[in-house]
Amino acid sequence: MTNNTLKPNEQLVINSNLEDFANMISEAFESTLKKQNKLLLTQKETAEFLGISESTLKSLRSMGKIPAPITICRRNLWSKEELIAWVNAGCPNKYDWEDLTA
């Protein structure tokens, strides 16, 4: 017959591992929430948000098919709120979009 009772040091290891796991999950959750609450998105984040590749985003931008980014300290950032409104408006080209939002 085997004894299923854990020794005190084994219990400490399990508790420690569970705490580490809980902390890891908590940090990942907080990171996800921060990303969801971002107002401005980088090129990579914008592409992911729209479900397209970065190269497609670059092409759409050069053809004037997507709203212009905001440039802050030489970084191109897109307004998440504007992207949502743009998609809801049917993804008009940049110039029609600018007329719609003027």
C-alpha atoms as a PDB file:
ATOM      1  CA  MET A   1       0.000   0.000   0.000  1.00  0.00           C
ATOM      2  CA  THR A   2       1.389   3.420  -0.969  1.00  0.00           C
ATOM      3  CA  ASN A   3       1.183   6.571   1.069  1.00  0.00           C
ATOM      4  CA  ASN A   4      -0.344   9.510  -0.886  1.00  0.00           C
ATOM      5  CA  THR A   5       0.557  12.045   1.803  1.00  0.00           C
ATOM      6  CA  LEU A   6       3.090  14.636   0.711  1.00  0.00           C
ATOM      7  CA  LYS A   7       6.089  15.484   2.832  1.00  0.00           C
ATOM      8  CA  PRO A   8       6.272  19.132   4.020  1.00  0.00           C
ATOM      9  CA  ASN A   9       9.108  20.009   1.616  1.00  0.00           C
ATOM     10  CA  GLU A  10       7.168  18.484  -1.319  1.00  0.00           C
ATOM     11  CA  GLN A  11       4.122  20.558  -0.369  1.00  0.00           C
ATOM     12  CA  LEU A  12       6.287  23.720  -0.356  1.00  0.00           C
ATOM     13  CA  VAL A  13       7.572  22.977  -3.871  1.00  0.00           C
ATOM     14  CA  ILE A  14       4.040  22.455  -5.187  1.00  0.00           C
ATOM     15  CA  ASN A  15       2.775  25.642  -3.508  1.00  0.00           C
ATOM     16  CA  SER A  16       5.739  27.594  -4.869  1.00  0.00           C
ATOM     17  CA  ASN A  17       5.138  26.289  -8.406  1.00  0.00           C
ATOM     18  CA  LEU A  18       1.443  27.148  -8.178  1.00  0.00           C
ATOM     19  CA  GLU A  19       2.273  30.676  -7.013  1.00  0.00           C
ATOM     20  CA  ASP A  20       4.738  31.112  -9.895  1.00  0.00           C
ATOM     21  CA  PHE A  21       2.125  29.859 -12.353  1.00  0.00           C
ATOM     22  CA  ALA A  22      -0.541  32.166 -10.905  1.00  0.00           C
ATOM     23  CA  ASN A  23       1.826  35.142 -11.139  1.00  0.00           C
ATOM     24  CA  MET A  24       2.674  34.286 -14.747  1.00  0.00           C
ATOM     25  CA  ILE A  25      -1.017  34.084 -15.694  1.00  0.00           C
ATOM     26  CA  SER A  26      -1.755  37.341 -13.883  1.00  0.00           C
ATOM     27  CA  GLU A  27       1.069  39.158 -15.696  1.00  0.00           C
ATOM     28  CA  ALA A  28      -0.061  37.825 -19.086  1.00  0.00           C
ATOM     29  CA  PHE A  29      -3.632  38.910 -18.382  1.00  0.00           C
ATOM     30  CA  GLU A  30      -2.536  42.417 -17.343  1.00  0.00           C
ATOM     31  CA  SER A  31      -0.367  42.698 -20.464  1.00  0.00           C
ATOM     32  CA  THR A  32      -3.309  41.704 -22.669  1.00  0.00           C
ATOM     33  CA  LEU A  33      -5.560  44.261 -20.977  1.00  0.00           C
ATOM     34  CA  LYS A  34      -2.977  46.997 -21.502  1.00  0.00           C
ATOM     35  CA  LYS A  35      -2.746  46.139 -25.209  1.00  0.00           C
ATOM     36  CA  GLN A  36      -6.523  46.165 -25.558  1.00  0.00           C
ATOM     37  CA  ASN A  37      -6.739  49.579 -23.908  1.00  0.00           C
ATOM     38  CA  LYS A  38      -4.069  51.211 -26.087  1.00  0.00           C
ATOM     39  CA  LEU A  39      -5.306  54.246 -27.990  1.00  0.00           C
ATOM     40  CA  LEU A  40      -2.468  54.361 -30.526  1.00  0.00           C
ATOM     41  CA  LEU A  41      -1.135  51.346 -32.387  1.00  0.00           C
ATOM     42  CA  THR A  42       2.240  50.733 -34.013  1.00  0.00           C
ATOM     43  CA  GLN A  43       2.457  49.496 -37.586  1.00  0.00           C
ATOM     44  CA  LYS A  44       2.724  45.890 -36.406  1.00  0.00           C
ATOM     45  CA  GLU A  45      -0.186  46.263 -33.975  1.00  0.00           C
ATOM     46  CA  THR A  46      -2.294  47.990 -36.644  1.00  0.00           C
ATOM     47  CA  ALA A  47      -1.687  45.159 -39.104  1.00  0.00           C
ATOM     48  CA  GLU A  48      -2.586  42.579 -36.440  1.00  0.00           C
ATOM     49  CA  PHE A  49      -5.676  44.579 -35.441  1.00  0.00           C
ATOM     50  CA  LEU A  50      -6.884  44.698 -39.065  1.00  0.00           C
ATOM     51  CA  GLY A  51      -5.946  41.061 -39.701  1.00  0.00           C
ATOM     52  CA  ILE A  52      -3.475  41.853 -42.489  1.00  0.00           C
ATOM     53  CA  SER A  53       0.292  41.599 -42.917  1.00  0.00           C
ATOM     54  CA  GLU A  54       2.597  44.544 -42.330  1.00  0.00           C
ATOM     55  CA  SER A  55       3.550  44.553 -46.011  1.00  0.00           C
ATOM     56  CA  THR A  56      -0.138  44.777 -46.984  1.00  0.00           C
ATOM     57  CA  LEU A  57      -0.554  47.658 -44.534  1.00  0.00           C
ATOM     58  CA  LYS A  58       2.424  49.441 -46.127  1.00  0.00           C
ATOM     59  CA  SER A  59       0.929  48.898 -49.600  1.00  0.00           C
ATOM     60  CA  LEU A  60      -2.497  50.176 -48.540  1.00  0.00           C
ATOM     61  CA  ARG A  61      -0.867  53.212 -46.963  1.00  0.00           C
ATOM     62  CA  SER A  62       1.184  54.038 -50.066  1.00  0.00           C
ATOM     63  CA  MET A  63      -1.939  53.696 -52.264  1.00  0.00           C
ATOM     64  CA  GLY A  64      -3.956  55.983 -49.972  1.00  0.00           C
ATOM     65  CA  LYS A  65      -6.384  53.212 -49.053  1.00  0.00           C
ATOM     66  CA  ILE A  66      -6.111  53.548 -45.274  1.00  0.00           C
ATOM     67  CA  PRO A  67      -6.322  56.511 -42.894  1.00  0.00           C
ATOM     68  CA  ALA A  68      -3.030  58.314 -42.414  1.00  0.00           C
ATOM     69  CA  PRO A  69      -1.096  57.553 -39.252  1.00  0.00           C
ATOM     70  CA  ILE A  70      -0.244  60.123 -36.613  1.00  0.00           C
ATOM     71  CA  THR A  71       3.479  60.840 -36.440  1.00  0.00           C
ATOM     72  CA  ILE A  72       4.867  61.260 -32.940  1.00  0.00           C
ATOM     73  CA  CYS A  73       8.630  61.490 -32.477  1.00  0.00           C
ATOM     74  CA  ARG A  74       9.198  59.998 -35.938  1.00  0.00           C
ATOM     75  CA  ARG A  75       6.940  57.022 -35.112  1.00  0.00           C
ATOM     76  CA  ASN A  76       3.863  56.321 -37.207  1.00  0.00           C
ATOM     77  CA  LEU A  77       0.933  55.417 -34.977  1.00  0.00           C
ATOM     78  CA  TRP A  78      -2.675  54.744 -35.882  1.00  0.00           C
ATOM     79  CA  SER A  79      -5.627  55.722 -33.742  1.00  0.00           C
ATOM     80  CA  LYS A  80      -7.455  52.552 -32.748  1.00  0.00           C
ATOM     81  CA  GLU A  81     -10.702  54.532 -32.457  1.00  0.00           C
ATOM     82  CA  GLU A  82     -10.267  55.958 -35.961  1.00  0.00           C
ATOM     83  CA  LEU A  83      -9.533  52.519 -37.416  1.00  0.00           C
ATOM     84  CA  ILE A  84     -12.733  51.143 -35.880  1.00  0.00           C
ATOM     85  CA  ALA A  85     -14.751  54.059 -37.279  1.00  0.00           C
ATOM     86  CA  TRP A  86     -13.051  53.658 -40.681  1.00  0.00           C
ATOM     87  CA  VAL A  87     -13.948  49.951 -40.841  1.00  0.00           C
ATOM     88  CA  ASN A  88     -17.523  50.702 -39.744  1.00  0.00           C
ATOM     89  CA  ALA A  89     -17.733  53.260 -42.575  1.00  0.00           C
ATOM     90  CA  GLY A  90     -16.835  50.572 -45.132  1.00  0.00           C
ATOM     91  CA  CYS A  91     -13.076  51.231 -45.410  1.00  0.00           C
ATOM     92  CA  PRO A  92     -13.202  54.248 -47.753  1.00  0.00           C
ATOM     93  CA  ASN A  93      -9.956  55.457 -49.284  1.00  0.00           C
ATOM     94  CA  LYS A  94      -7.887  57.976 -47.350  1.00  0.00           C
ATOM     95  CA  TYR A  95      -9.193  61.016 -49.230  1.00  0.00           C
ATOM     96  CA  ASP A  96     -12.890  60.081 -48.944  1.00  0.00           C
ATOM     97  CA  TRP A  97     -12.275  59.276 -45.281  1.00  0.00           C
ATOM     98  CA  GLU A  98     -10.733  62.688 -44.695  1.00  0.00           C
ATOM     99  CA  ASP A  99     -13.778  64.309 -46.343  1.00  0.00           C
ATOM    100  CA  LEU A 100     -16.127  62.230 -44.179  1.00  0.00           C
ATOM    101  CA  THR A 101     -14.343  63.140 -40.957  1.00  0.00           C
ATOM    102  CA  ALA A 102     -13.601  66.813 -41.719  1.00  0.00           C
END
